[in-house]
Amino acid sequence: VKYKLLEFEAFNQSSVKQRKFTVRETFIKQLLTLKGLSVDIALEITKYYPTPSHLFNAFKDLSKSEGETLLSKITIGDLKRKIPSTISKNIYR
């Protein structure tokens, strides 16, 4: 029995990701790797800080306690619940 296999170049091309992600989308994916952080929270954070550098710049001139609570001031959804302080601290750290 003879099998015809894909040439390496054809295989390589077929396995390349077709879609290019924006910096914001990549940042959302990074945020979602943190324990306890939901899609709603990640989307809300990226409304204010669309890239990691935006968030870093916001943290840059704050004291440690201000930095740890910065994101906990953001409200999520219609219920206006705030981002948990533990998540805000973890992102700051």
N, C-alpha and C. Protein backbone atom coordinates (compact mmCIF):
# COMPACT_ATOMS: atom_id res chain seq x y z
N VAL A 1 0.86 -1.18 0.00
CA VAL A 1 0.00 0.00 0.00
C VAL A 1 0.90 1.23 0.00
N LYS A 2 0.61 2.13 -0.93
CA LYS A 2 1.38 3.36 -1.05
C LYS A 2 0.54 4.55 -0.58
N TYR A 3 1.12 5.42 0.24
CA TYR A 3 0.43 6.61 0.73
C TYR A 3 1.10 7.84 0.17
N LYS A 4 0.28 8.79 -0.22
CA LYS A 4 0.84 10.05 -0.68
C LYS A 4 0.69 11.05 0.46
N LEU A 5 1.79 11.59 0.90
CA LEU A 5 1.81 12.54 2.01
C LEU A 5 1.99 13.95 1.47
N LEU A 6 1.58 14.91 2.30
CA LEU A 6 1.78 16.31 1.95
C LEU A 6 3.27 16.64 1.94
N GLU A 7 3.65 17.48 1.01
CA GLU A 7 5.01 18.02 1.03
C GLU A 7 5.13 18.93 2.25
N PHE A 8 6.32 19.09 2.77
CA PHE A 8 6.51 19.90 3.98
C PHE A 8 5.98 21.32 3.79
N GLU A 9 6.26 21.93 2.65
CA GLU A 9 5.83 23.31 2.41
C GLU A 9 4.31 23.43 2.47
N ALA A 10 3.60 22.50 1.87
CA ALA A 10 2.13 22.52 1.89
C ALA A 10 1.62 22.29 3.32
N PHE A 11 2.24 21.36 4.05
CA PHE A 11 1.86 21.11 5.43
C PHE A 11 2.08 22.35 6.28
N ASN A 12 3.23 22.97 6.12
CA ASN A 12 3.59 24.16 6.89
C ASN A 12 2.60 25.29 6.62
N GLN A 13 2.24 25.51 5.36
CA GLN A 13 1.30 26.57 5.01
C GLN A 13 -0.09 26.29 5.60
N SER A 14 -0.51 25.04 5.61
CA SER A 14 -1.85 24.71 6.10
C SER A 14 -1.95 24.83 7.62
N SER A 15 -0.84 24.80 8.32
CA SER A 15 -0.89 24.87 9.78
C SER A 15 -0.63 26.28 10.32
N VAL A 16 -0.42 27.24 9.45
CA VAL A 16 -0.21 28.62 9.88
C VAL A 16 -1.56 29.23 10.28
N LYS A 17 -1.56 29.97 11.36
CA LYS A 17 -2.79 30.64 11.79
C LYS A 17 -3.16 31.67 10.74
N GLN A 18 -4.42 31.69 10.39
CA GLN A 18 -4.89 32.56 9.31
C GLN A 18 -5.21 33.98 9.79
N ARG A 19 -5.56 34.12 11.03
CA ARG A 19 -6.00 35.41 11.52
C ARG A 19 -4.91 36.07 12.34
N LYS A 20 -4.72 37.34 12.11
CA LYS A 20 -3.77 38.10 12.91
C LYS A 20 -4.55 38.81 14.01
N PHE A 21 -4.09 38.67 15.24
CA PHE A 21 -4.76 39.28 16.37
C PHE A 21 -4.23 40.68 16.60
N THR A 22 -5.11 41.57 17.04
CA THR A 22 -4.69 42.92 17.40
C THR A 22 -3.98 42.86 18.76
N VAL A 23 -3.32 43.94 19.11
CA VAL A 23 -2.65 44.01 20.41
C VAL A 23 -3.69 43.88 21.52
N ARG A 24 -4.84 44.52 21.34
CA ARG A 24 -5.91 44.45 22.35
C ARG A 24 -6.39 43.02 22.53
N GLU A 25 -6.61 42.30 21.43
CA GLU A 25 -7.07 40.92 21.52
C GLU A 25 -6.03 40.03 22.21
N THR A 26 -4.77 40.27 21.90
CA THR A 26 -3.70 39.50 22.54
C THR A 26 -3.64 39.82 24.02
N PHE A 27 -3.82 41.08 24.39
CA PHE A 27 -3.82 41.50 25.79
C PHE A 27 -4.98 40.82 26.53
N ILE A 28 -6.14 40.76 25.91
CA ILE A 28 -7.29 40.09 26.51
C ILE A 28 -6.94 38.62 26.78
N LYS A 29 -6.33 37.96 25.81
CA LYS A 29 -5.94 36.56 26.00
C LYS A 29 -4.96 36.41 27.16
N GLN A 30 -4.03 37.34 27.28
CA GLN A 30 -3.07 37.31 28.38
C GLN A 30 -3.78 37.49 29.72
N LEU A 31 -4.70 38.43 29.78
CA LEU A 31 -5.44 38.67 31.02
C LEU A 31 -6.24 37.44 31.43
N LEU A 32 -6.80 36.75 30.46
CA LEU A 32 -7.63 35.58 30.74
C LEU A 32 -6.84 34.41 31.33
N THR A 33 -5.53 34.46 31.26
CA THR A 33 -4.72 33.40 31.85
C THR A 33 -4.63 33.53 33.37
N LEU A 34 -5.03 34.69 33.89
CA LEU A 34 -4.98 34.91 35.33
C LEU A 34 -6.18 34.27 36.01
N LYS A 35 -5.94 33.64 37.12
CA LYS A 35 -6.99 32.95 37.87
C LYS A 35 -8.06 33.94 38.33
N GLY A 36 -9.33 33.59 38.10
CA GLY A 36 -10.43 34.40 38.57
C GLY A 36 -10.82 35.55 37.66
N LEU A 37 -10.10 35.71 36.56
CA LEU A 37 -10.39 36.83 35.66
C LEU A 37 -11.28 36.34 34.52
N SER A 38 -12.47 36.92 34.41
CA SER A 38 -13.44 36.49 33.40
C SER A 38 -13.31 37.34 32.14
N VAL A 39 -14.00 36.92 31.10
CA VAL A 39 -14.01 37.67 29.85
C VAL A 39 -14.57 39.08 30.08
N ASP A 40 -15.63 39.18 30.88
CA ASP A 40 -16.22 40.49 31.17
C ASP A 40 -15.20 41.45 31.79
N ILE A 41 -14.43 40.94 32.72
CA ILE A 41 -13.42 41.77 33.38
C ILE A 41 -12.33 42.17 32.40
N ALA A 42 -11.86 41.23 31.61
CA ALA A 42 -10.80 41.52 30.63
C ALA A 42 -11.28 42.55 29.62
N LEU A 43 -12.50 42.42 29.14
CA LEU A 43 -13.04 43.39 28.17
C LEU A 43 -13.16 44.77 28.79
N GLU A 44 -13.59 44.83 30.03
CA GLU A 44 -13.74 46.12 30.70
C GLU A 44 -12.38 46.79 30.93
N ILE A 45 -11.40 46.01 31.35
CA ILE A 45 -10.05 46.56 31.56
C ILE A 45 -9.52 47.14 30.25
N THR A 46 -9.72 46.40 29.15
CA THR A 46 -9.16 46.86 27.87
C THR A 46 -9.95 48.00 27.25
N LYS A 47 -11.11 48.33 27.80
CA LYS A 47 -11.79 49.56 27.37
C LYS A 47 -10.99 50.78 27.83
N TYR A 48 -10.45 50.68 29.05
CA TYR A 48 -9.67 51.79 29.62
C TYR A 48 -8.19 51.71 29.25
N TYR A 49 -7.68 50.49 29.19
CA TYR A 49 -6.26 50.27 28.92
C TYR A 49 -6.15 49.23 27.79
N PRO A 50 -6.21 49.67 26.53
CA PRO A 50 -6.28 48.74 25.40
C PRO A 50 -5.02 47.91 25.15
N THR A 51 -3.91 48.32 25.72
CA THR A 51 -2.67 47.56 25.54
C THR A 51 -1.93 47.46 26.87
N PRO A 52 -1.03 46.51 26.99
CA PRO A 52 -0.23 46.42 28.22
C PRO A 52 0.55 47.71 28.51
N SER A 53 1.02 48.38 27.46
CA SER A 53 1.79 49.61 27.71
C SER A 53 0.90 50.73 28.26
N HIS A 54 -0.35 50.78 27.85
CA HIS A 54 -1.27 51.77 28.43
C HIS A 54 -1.43 51.51 29.93
N LEU A 55 -1.61 50.26 30.28
CA LEU A 55 -1.78 49.91 31.69
C LEU A 55 -0.49 50.17 32.47
N PHE A 56 0.63 49.80 31.89
CA PHE A 56 1.93 50.03 32.54
C PHE A 56 2.13 51.52 32.80
N ASN A 57 1.80 52.35 31.81
CA ASN A 57 1.96 53.80 31.97
C ASN A 57 1.03 54.35 33.06
N ALA A 58 -0.15 53.76 33.19
CA ALA A 58 -1.07 54.19 34.26
C ALA A 58 -0.50 53.83 35.63
N PHE A 59 0.16 52.68 35.73
CA PHE A 59 0.75 52.25 36.99
C PHE A 59 2.03 53.01 37.34
N LYS A 60 2.72 53.49 36.35
CA LYS A 60 4.07 54.02 36.50
C LYS A 60 4.22 55.09 37.59
N ASP A 61 3.30 56.02 37.65
CA ASP A 61 3.45 57.14 38.58
C ASP A 61 2.65 56.99 39.86
N LEU A 62 2.11 55.79 40.10
CA LEU A 62 1.29 55.56 41.29
C LEU A 62 2.11 54.91 42.40
N SER A 63 1.68 55.14 43.62
CA SER A 63 2.29 54.43 44.75
C SER A 63 1.83 52.98 44.68
N LYS A 64 2.44 52.14 45.50
CA LYS A 64 2.07 50.73 45.50
C LYS A 64 0.59 50.54 45.83
N SER A 65 0.11 51.20 46.87
CA SER A 65 -1.30 51.03 47.27
C SER A 65 -2.25 51.58 46.20
N GLU A 66 -1.89 52.68 45.57
CA GLU A 66 -2.73 53.23 44.49
C GLU A 66 -2.74 52.28 43.29
N GLY A 67 -1.59 51.73 42.97
CA GLY A 67 -1.50 50.79 41.85
C GLY A 67 -2.30 49.53 42.08
N GLU A 68 -2.23 49.03 43.31
CA GLU A 68 -2.97 47.80 43.64
C GLU A 68 -4.48 47.98 43.57
N THR A 69 -4.97 49.20 43.76
CA THR A 69 -6.42 49.43 43.75
C THR A 69 -6.92 50.09 42.47
N LEU A 70 -6.03 50.43 41.56
CA LEU A 70 -6.41 51.15 40.34
C LEU A 70 -7.54 50.45 39.58
N LEU A 71 -7.40 49.18 39.32
CA LEU A 71 -8.39 48.47 38.51
C LEU A 71 -9.66 48.15 39.29
N SER A 72 -9.58 48.15 40.61
CA SER A 72 -10.78 47.83 41.40
C SER A 72 -11.81 48.96 41.37
N LYS A 73 -11.46 50.07 40.78
CA LYS A 73 -12.40 51.18 40.63
C LYS A 73 -13.27 51.04 39.37
N ILE A 74 -12.89 50.13 38.49
CA ILE A 74 -13.62 49.92 37.23
C ILE A 74 -14.86 49.07 37.51
N THR A 75 -16.00 49.52 36.98
CA THR A 75 -17.24 48.77 37.16
C THR A 75 -17.54 47.94 35.90
N ILE A 76 -18.24 46.81 36.14
CA ILE A 76 -18.51 45.85 35.07
C ILE A 76 -20.01 45.68 34.90
N GLY A 77 -20.47 45.79 33.66
CA GLY A 77 -21.84 45.46 33.31
C GLY A 77 -22.90 46.37 33.89
N ASP A 78 -24.15 45.93 33.68
CA ASP A 78 -25.31 46.72 34.13
C ASP A 78 -25.43 46.80 35.64
N LEU A 79 -24.93 45.78 36.32
CA LEU A 79 -25.02 45.76 37.78
C LEU A 79 -23.98 46.65 38.44
N LYS A 80 -23.05 47.16 37.63
CA LYS A 80 -22.00 48.06 38.12
C LYS A 80 -21.17 47.45 39.24
N ARG A 81 -20.92 46.13 39.13
CA ARG A 81 -20.05 45.51 40.14
C ARG A 81 -18.60 45.87 39.82
N LYS A 82 -17.81 45.96 40.84
CA LYS A 82 -16.41 46.38 40.65
C LYS A 82 -15.51 45.17 40.47
N ILE A 83 -14.38 45.42 39.82
CA ILE A 83 -13.37 44.37 39.68
C ILE A 83 -12.86 44.04 41.07
N PRO A 84 -12.80 42.75 41.43
CA PRO A 84 -12.32 42.38 42.77
C PRO A 84 -10.92 42.91 43.04
N SER A 85 -10.70 43.34 44.27
CA SER A 85 -9.40 43.92 44.63
C SER A 85 -8.27 42.91 44.49
N THR A 86 -8.56 41.62 44.69
CA THR A 86 -7.50 40.61 44.54
C THR A 86 -7.00 40.55 43.11
N ILE A 87 -7.91 40.68 42.16
CA ILE A 87 -7.52 40.68 40.74
C ILE A 87 -6.72 41.94 40.42
N SER A 88 -7.18 43.07 40.94
CA SER A 88 -6.46 44.32 40.72
C SER A 88 -5.02 44.24 41.26
N LYS A 89 -4.88 43.67 42.46
CA LYS A 89 -3.55 43.51 43.06
C LYS A 89 -2.67 42.59 42.23
N ASN A 90 -3.24 41.47 41.79
CA ASN A 90 -2.45 40.49 41.01
C ASN A 90 -1.96 41.09 39.71
N ILE A 91 -2.79 41.85 39.05
CA ILE A 91 -2.38 42.48 37.79
C ILE A 91 -1.30 43.52 38.05
N TYR A 92 -1.46 44.27 39.11
CA TYR A 92 -0.44 45.28 39.45
C TYR A 92 0.92 44.62 39.72
N ARG A 93 0.88 43.53 40.47
CA ARG A 93 2.13 42.84 40.83
C ARG A 93 2.74 42.19 39.64
